[in-house]
């Protein structure tokens, strides 16, 4: 790239656009200006610029929407873009712009010389290795540079290209870049619609359309609805069930043949009564065909705790009965003693 570069200024404020245009002209570049997203798209298609100064907010759409479309196409995926932020913008706006693919971000109010210096930096020739950007999930492949969606339908190893609208493509890319993760509707709106004021129901509409576009892969991949959470790209239930079955190629151990029953050798009987043999001290006692295990220390500790709990409960009940008895005796009227008359003896 030579010293003279084509710089596209996407700015709705004519006064600021004129100032930037003059400074770029004085710096030796060839500036052009667009006051809307639609006009900027047309100028990029007709005369490819070498760098873009893109304002965050424009009358017809957000600047991030144009930035995302530029990054999706192979011809403009590496086009330098500097985002011009709004007044009193915070750190979150800068992070969103850089995550969307901006090469630099300038917060307002900014100095004109600073903007010119940043343009010079992004115009420096940087050797980059040509790496084709792709992402694969099971039988689905997305070629981000060519903006193609390929499906492996299992027919002679050939891949079928799936056609879908730009919004469905962005939605599918979000699912492919975050496979098997639950994405809420707010997250989808923030990444697919760039935080625009849209209703949550629009997400369900485009998810349904995306499911229709992925119909050739219905036996391999599905977009699941997680109730109360959002959506998730996951393997089809048939694939999960097949993976859970045991592998037939693994050798199976043969069944153990039944052992022949052994009969004890009969011992000579004696007419004298036999004394019962003394069992060893450490031998388990067999009662009704069951082994009686020795008492464990943990069981004994639990029994002691239970006894202490019952003793405390009994003591509390006794104290309550004593208090109740005293209360009843204090409210009971005293007994009147009447003298006993003695009968006169006749």
Protein backbone atom coordinates (compact mmCIF):
# COMPACT_ATOMS: atom_id res chain seq x y z
CA UNK A 1 0.00 0.00 0.00
CA UNK A 2 1.42 3.41 -0.93
CA UNK A 3 1.37 6.67 0.99
CA UNK A 4 -1.94 7.73 -0.58
CA UNK A 5 -4.89 5.70 0.69
CA UNK A 6 -8.63 5.80 0.12
CA UNK A 7 -10.36 6.55 3.43
CA UNK A 8 -14.15 6.26 3.74
CA UNK A 9 -15.71 8.45 6.45
CA UNK A 10 -19.11 7.14 7.60
CA UNK A 11 -20.50 9.99 9.70
CA UNK A 12 -24.01 11.49 9.84
CA UNK A 13 -22.87 14.87 11.27
CA UNK A 14 -21.90 16.94 8.22
CA UNK A 15 -19.73 19.35 10.25
CA UNK A 16 -17.62 16.59 11.77
CA UNK A 17 -17.48 14.74 8.46
CA UNK A 18 -16.12 17.91 6.80
CA UNK A 19 -13.44 18.33 9.47
CA UNK A 20 -12.31 14.72 9.10
CA UNK A 21 -12.39 15.00 5.32
CA UNK A 22 -10.12 18.08 5.35
CA UNK A 23 -7.63 16.53 7.76
CA UNK A 24 -7.41 13.33 5.70
CA UNK A 25 -6.86 15.43 2.62
CA UNK A 26 -4.04 17.36 4.32
CA UNK A 27 -2.48 14.03 5.40
CA UNK A 28 -2.17 13.03 1.74
CA UNK A 29 -5.09 10.62 1.51
CA UNK A 30 -8.17 10.48 -0.75
CA UNK A 31 -11.17 10.78 1.57
CA UNK A 32 -14.81 10.09 0.71
CA UNK A 33 -17.87 10.50 2.93
CA UNK A 34 -21.12 8.60 3.45
CA UNK A 35 -23.93 9.77 5.73
CA UNK A 36 -25.80 6.45 6.12
CA UNK A 37 -25.18 2.71 6.22
CA UNK A 38 -26.85 2.07 2.87
CA UNK A 39 -24.74 4.71 1.15
CA UNK A 40 -21.59 3.32 2.77
CA UNK A 41 -22.38 -0.21 1.50
CA UNK A 42 -22.83 1.10 -2.04
CA UNK A 43 -19.56 3.04 -1.95
CA UNK A 44 -17.65 0.05 -0.53
CA UNK A 45 -18.98 -2.15 -3.31
CA UNK A 46 -18.21 0.34 -6.09
CA UNK A 47 -14.84 1.66 -4.93
CA UNK A 48 -13.10 -0.46 -2.31
CA UNK A 49 -11.52 1.85 0.33
CA UNK A 50 -8.26 1.15 2.14
CA UNK A 51 -9.62 2.16 5.57
CA UNK A 52 -12.95 3.18 7.12
CA UNK A 53 -13.79 5.66 9.85
CA UNK A 54 -17.13 4.37 11.13
CA UNK A 55 -19.36 6.15 13.63
CA UNK A 56 -21.08 4.05 16.27
CA UNK A 57 -24.62 5.35 15.68
CA UNK A 58 -26.09 6.29 12.31
CA UNK A 59 -29.62 7.26 11.26
CA UNK A 60 -30.60 4.03 9.51
CA UNK A 61 -28.70 1.41 11.55
CA UNK A 62 -25.88 0.80 13.99
CA UNK A 63 -22.31 0.99 12.81
CA UNK A 64 -21.68 -2.47 14.30
CA UNK A 65 -24.12 -4.00 11.80
CA UNK A 66 -21.98 -2.73 8.90
CA UNK A 67 -18.83 -3.90 10.68
CA UNK A 68 -20.24 -7.38 11.14
CA UNK A 69 -21.19 -7.67 7.47
CA UNK A 70 -17.71 -6.56 6.43
CA UNK A 71 -16.14 -9.26 8.59
CA UNK A 72 -18.41 -11.96 7.17
CA UNK A 73 -17.25 -11.47 3.56
CA UNK A 74 -13.84 -12.68 2.48
CA UNK A 75 -13.17 -9.58 0.34
CA UNK A 76 -13.64 -7.16 3.26
CA UNK A 77 -12.81 -9.38 6.24
CA UNK A 78 -9.40 -7.72 6.69
CA UNK A 79 -10.42 -4.15 5.78
CA UNK A 80 -9.15 -1.76 8.53
CA UNK A 81 -12.03 -0.16 10.43
CA UNK A 82 -11.75 2.47 13.18
CA UNK A 83 -14.95 2.98 15.21
CA UNK A 84 -15.71 6.55 16.32
CA UNK A 85 -17.56 6.29 19.63
CA UNK A 86 -20.27 8.51 21.03
CA UNK A 87 -20.05 11.20 23.69
CA UNK A 88 -19.81 9.95 27.29
CA UNK A 89 -19.39 6.37 26.06
CA UNK A 90 -18.17 3.85 28.58
CA UNK A 91 -15.79 0.94 28.50
CA UNK A 92 -18.54 -1.47 27.46
CA UNK A 93 -18.99 0.30 24.10
CA UNK A 94 -15.28 0.03 23.34
CA UNK A 95 -15.23 -3.68 24.22
CA UNK A 96 -18.25 -4.41 22.03
CA UNK A 97 -16.67 -2.63 19.07
CA UNK A 98 -13.38 -4.51 19.40
CA UNK A 99 -15.16 -7.85 19.85
CA UNK A 100 -17.22 -7.15 16.71
CA UNK A 101 -13.99 -6.89 14.68
CA UNK A 102 -12.90 -3.25 14.85
CA UNK A 103 -9.19 -2.59 14.46
CA UNK A 104 -9.31 0.44 16.75
CA UNK A 105 -11.72 2.56 18.78
CA UNK A 106 -11.68 6.31 19.49
CA UNK A 107 -13.87 7.82 22.20
CA UNK A 108 -15.41 11.28 21.77
CA UNK A 109 -14.33 13.99 22.17
CA UNK A 110 -11.21 13.08 20.24
CA UNK A 111 -8.38 15.06 18.69
CA UNK A 112 -8.21 15.20 14.91
CA UNK A 113 -4.45 14.57 14.92
CA UNK A 114 -5.03 11.49 17.05
CA UNK A 115 -7.50 10.11 14.52
CA UNK A 116 -5.08 10.76 11.64
CA UNK A 117 -2.29 8.99 13.56
CA UNK A 118 -4.50 5.98 14.21
CA UNK A 119 -5.38 5.80 10.50
CA UNK A 120 -1.67 5.75 9.68
CA UNK A 121 -1.19 2.86 12.11
CA UNK A 122 -3.94 0.65 10.64
CA UNK A 123 -2.65 1.37 7.12
CA UNK A 124 0.78 -0.08 7.86
CA UNK A 125 1.48 -3.20 5.81
CA UNK A 126 1.44 -6.21 8.14
CA UNK A 127 2.37 -9.63 6.76
CA UNK A 128 -0.41 -12.04 7.57
CA UNK A 129 -0.54 -15.75 7.01
CA UNK A 130 -3.42 -16.78 4.84
CA UNK A 131 -5.52 -19.05 7.06
CA UNK A 132 -8.97 -20.03 5.94
CA UNK A 133 -11.38 -19.55 8.77
CA UNK A 134 -13.70 -22.47 9.25
CA UNK A 135 -15.71 -24.04 12.04
CA UNK A 136 -17.14 -27.55 12.13
CA UNK A 137 -19.75 -29.10 14.40
CA UNK A 138 -20.44 -32.75 13.62
CA UNK A 139 -21.62 -32.84 9.98
CA UNK A 140 -21.96 -29.04 9.66
CA UNK A 141 -19.15 -26.84 8.31
CA UNK A 142 -19.16 -23.04 8.11
CA UNK A 143 -16.66 -21.27 5.84
CA UNK A 144 -16.52 -17.74 7.22
CA UNK A 145 -14.32 -16.36 4.44
CA UNK A 146 -16.53 -17.64 1.62
CA UNK A 147 -19.71 -17.24 3.69
CA UNK A 148 -20.88 -20.76 2.92
CA UNK A 149 -22.67 -23.39 5.01
CA UNK A 150 -21.86 -26.98 4.04
CA UNK A 151 -23.64 -30.10 5.26
CA UNK A 152 -22.26 -33.64 5.11
CA UNK A 153 -25.35 -35.68 4.30
CA UNK A 154 -23.45 -38.96 4.08
CA UNK A 155 -23.98 -39.46 0.33
CA UNK A 156 -20.65 -40.60 -1.15
CA UNK A 157 -18.77 -38.15 1.07
CA UNK A 158 -20.18 -35.09 -0.75
CA UNK A 159 -21.14 -31.86 0.99
CA UNK A 160 -24.34 -29.98 0.25
CA UNK A 161 -24.44 -26.20 0.50
CA UNK A 162 -27.29 -24.83 2.58
CA UNK A 163 -28.86 -21.54 1.53
CA UNK A 164 -30.02 -19.14 4.23
CA UNK A 165 -30.71 -15.45 4.80
CA UNK A 166 -28.06 -13.16 6.36
CA UNK A 167 -29.79 -13.07 9.76
CA UNK A 168 -30.08 -16.86 9.85
CA UNK A 169 -26.41 -17.08 8.87
CA UNK A 170 -25.38 -14.85 11.79
CA UNK A 171 -27.60 -16.85 14.14
CA UNK A 172 -26.11 -20.15 12.96
CA UNK A 173 -22.59 -18.76 13.33
CA UNK A 174 -23.35 -17.86 16.94
CA UNK A 175 -24.54 -21.42 17.61
CA UNK A 176 -21.55 -22.97 15.82
CA UNK A 177 -19.06 -20.81 17.72
CA UNK A 178 -20.75 -21.85 20.99
CA UNK A 179 -21.80 -25.49 20.42
CA UNK A 180 -23.67 -27.42 23.08
CA UNK A 181 -24.07 -24.24 25.18
CA UNK A 182 -27.38 -22.69 26.16
CA UNK A 183 -27.77 -19.19 24.71
CA UNK A 184 -30.43 -16.91 26.14
CA UNK A 185 -32.60 -14.70 23.99
CA UNK A 186 -30.87 -11.58 25.29
CA UNK A 187 -27.46 -12.96 24.30
CA UNK A 188 -28.74 -13.83 20.84
CA UNK A 189 -30.18 -10.33 20.37
CA UNK A 190 -26.91 -8.75 21.52
CA UNK A 191 -24.77 -10.73 19.04
CA UNK A 192 -27.13 -11.21 16.07
CA UNK A 193 -29.04 -7.91 16.14
CA UNK A 194 -26.15 -6.00 17.79
CA UNK A 195 -28.24 -4.99 20.78
CA UNK A 196 -31.00 -3.34 18.75
CA UNK A 197 -34.43 -2.82 20.35
CA UNK A 198 -36.19 -5.96 19.13
CA UNK A 199 -38.66 -8.16 20.95
CA UNK A 200 -37.70 -11.57 22.32
CA UNK A 201 -40.29 -13.22 20.06
CA UNK A 202 -38.27 -12.36 16.95
CA UNK A 203 -35.63 -14.84 18.16
CA UNK A 204 -38.17 -17.68 18.09
CA UNK A 205 -39.18 -16.75 14.54
CA UNK A 206 -35.61 -16.93 13.22
CA UNK A 207 -34.82 -20.08 15.20
CA UNK A 208 -37.76 -21.75 13.48
CA UNK A 209 -36.49 -20.56 10.09
CA UNK A 210 -33.01 -21.84 10.91
CA UNK A 211 -34.40 -25.24 11.86
CA UNK A 212 -36.02 -25.40 8.44
CA UNK A 213 -32.71 -24.53 6.76
CA UNK A 214 -30.97 -27.31 8.72
CA UNK A 215 -33.57 -29.90 7.70
CA UNK A 216 -31.01 -32.04 5.76
CA UNK A 217 -29.12 -32.52 9.06
CA UNK A 218 -32.13 -33.33 11.22
CA UNK A 219 -30.70 -36.80 12.01
CA UNK A 220 -27.36 -35.34 13.17
CA UNK A 221 -27.91 -31.86 14.64
CA UNK A 222 -30.88 -30.11 16.21
CA UNK A 223 -31.52 -26.75 17.84
CA UNK A 224 -33.07 -27.59 21.19
CA UNK A 225 -35.34 -25.32 23.19
CA UNK A 226 -34.29 -25.20 26.84
CA UNK A 227 -37.37 -24.12 28.72
CA UNK A 228 -36.86 -20.93 30.66
CA UNK A 229 -33.26 -20.54 29.44
CA UNK A 230 -32.94 -20.27 25.65
CA UNK A 231 -31.67 -22.44 22.81
CA UNK A 232 -28.81 -24.87 22.26
CA UNK A 233 -27.17 -26.54 19.25
CA UNK A 234 -26.83 -30.22 20.17
CA UNK A 235 -26.62 -33.68 18.67
CA UNK A 236 -29.85 -35.34 17.58
CA UNK A 237 -31.39 -37.80 20.07
CA UNK A 238 -30.75 -40.70 17.68
CA UNK A 239 -27.03 -39.90 17.62
CA UNK A 240 -26.90 -39.69 21.41
CA UNK A 241 -28.68 -43.03 21.76
CA UNK A 242 -26.32 -44.64 19.26
CA UNK A 243 -23.30 -43.34 21.15
CA UNK A 244 -24.68 -44.79 24.39
CA UNK A 245 -24.90 -48.34 22.98
CA UNK A 246 -21.93 -50.67 23.59
CA UNK A 247 -19.45 -51.10 20.77
CA UNK A 248 -20.02 -54.38 18.96
CA UNK A 249 -16.37 -54.52 17.88
CA UNK A 250 -15.21 -54.92 21.48
CA UNK A 251 -14.75 -58.58 22.52
CA UNK A 252 -17.30 -59.82 25.00
CA UNK A 253 -16.12 -62.09 27.76
CA UNK A 254 -17.65 -65.59 27.45
CA UNK A 255 -20.04 -66.60 30.21
CA UNK A 256 -18.52 -68.54 33.05
CA UNK A 257 -19.55 -72.23 32.84
CA UNK A 258 -21.43 -73.51 35.87
CA UNK A 259 -19.24 -75.29 38.36
CA UNK A 260 -20.20 -78.87 39.22
CA UNK A 261 -21.74 -79.28 42.61
CA UNK A 262 -19.38 -80.75 45.17
CA UNK A 263 -20.71 -83.17 47.77
CA UNK A 264 -18.93 -83.50 51.10
CA UNK A 265 -17.29 -86.82 51.85
CA UNK A 266 -19.43 -88.74 54.37
CA UNK A 267 -17.73 -89.15 57.73
CA UNK A 268 -18.14 -92.22 59.90
CA UNK A 269 -20.85 -91.70 62.47
CA UNK A 270 -20.39 -92.38 66.15
CA UNK A 271 -23.02 -93.28 68.71
CA UNK A 272 -21.40 -91.09 71.34
CA UNK A 273 -22.69 -87.50 71.62
CA UNK A 274 -20.29 -84.97 70.28
CA UNK A 275 -19.35 -81.82 72.05
CA UNK A 276 -19.95 -78.73 69.98
CA UNK A 277 -16.73 -77.43 68.51
CA UNK A 278 -15.49 -74.18 69.97
CA UNK A 279 -15.55 -71.39 67.43
CA UNK A 280 -12.52 -69.17 67.09
CA UNK A 281 -12.78 -65.80 68.77
CA UNK A 282 -12.61 -63.77 65.52
CA UNK A 283 -15.10 -65.93 63.58
CA UNK A 284 -18.42 -64.47 62.59
CA UNK A 285 -21.53 -66.03 64.10
CA UNK A 286 -24.01 -67.59 61.68
CA UNK A 287 -27.64 -67.26 62.72
CA UNK A 288 -30.38 -68.62 60.44
CA UNK A 289 -27.99 -68.69 57.51
CA UNK A 290 -27.00 -65.02 57.93
CA UNK A 291 -23.72 -63.60 59.13
CA UNK A 292 -24.08 -61.31 62.09
CA UNK A 293 -21.70 -58.40 61.71
CA UNK A 294 -19.94 -57.02 64.77
CA UNK A 295 -21.25 -53.73 66.13
CA UNK A 296 -19.56 -50.71 64.58
CA UNK A 297 -18.22 -47.88 66.65
CA UNK A 298 -20.19 -45.37 64.57
CA UNK A 299 -23.45 -47.24 65.33
CA UNK A 300 -22.63 -47.25 69.04
CA UNK A 301 -21.94 -43.53 69.00
CA UNK A 302 -25.26 -42.90 67.29
CA UNK A 303 -27.05 -45.00 69.93
CA UNK A 304 -25.43 -43.02 72.74
CA UNK A 305 -26.46 -39.75 71.11
CA UNK A 306 -30.02 -41.06 70.77
CA UNK A 307 -30.13 -42.02 74.45
CA UNK A 308 -28.84 -38.60 75.46
CA UNK A 309 -31.47 -36.95 73.29
CA UNK A 310 -34.24 -39.02 74.87
CA UNK A 311 -32.95 -38.27 78.37
CA UNK A 312 -32.96 -34.54 77.65
CA UNK A 313 -36.47 -34.80 76.20
CA UNK A 314 -37.71 -36.71 79.26
CA UNK A 315 -36.13 -34.18 81.59
CA UNK A 316 -37.76 -31.31 79.68
CA UNK A 317 -41.18 -32.99 79.78
CA UNK A 318 -40.80 -33.65 83.49
CA UNK A 319 -39.98 -30.01 84.13
CA UNK A 320 -42.99 -28.92 82.06
CA UNK A 321 -45.29 -31.23 84.01
CA UNK A 322 -43.94 -29.86 87.31
CA UNK A 323 -44.54 -26.28 86.25
CA UNK A 324 -48.04 -27.14 85.03
CA UNK A 325 -48.85 -28.92 88.29
CA UNK A 326 -47.68 -25.96 90.35
CA UNK A 327 -49.74 -23.59 88.24
CA UNK A 328 -52.87 -25.71 88.69
CA UNK A 329 -52.36 -25.95 92.45
CA UNK A 330 -51.94 -22.18 92.75
CA UNK A 331 -55.24 -21.49 90.99
CA UNK A 332 -57.24 -24.20 92.81
CA UNK A 333 -59.60 -22.74 95.55
CA UNK A 334 -58.77 -23.84 99.14
CA UNK A 335 -60.93 -26.53 100.72
CA UNK A 336 -63.32 -25.48 103.50
CA UNK A 337 -63.17 -27.64 106.62
CA UNK A 338 -66.61 -28.17 108.23
CA UNK A 339 -66.80 -29.48 111.77
CA UNK A 340 -68.29 -32.90 112.23
CA UNK A 341 -71.26 -32.98 114.45
CA UNK A 342 -71.33 -35.66 117.04
CA UNK A 343 -74.60 -37.37 117.76
CA UNK A 344 -75.81 -37.17 121.25
CA UNK A 345 -75.90 -40.45 122.99
CA UNK A 346 -79.16 -41.31 124.30
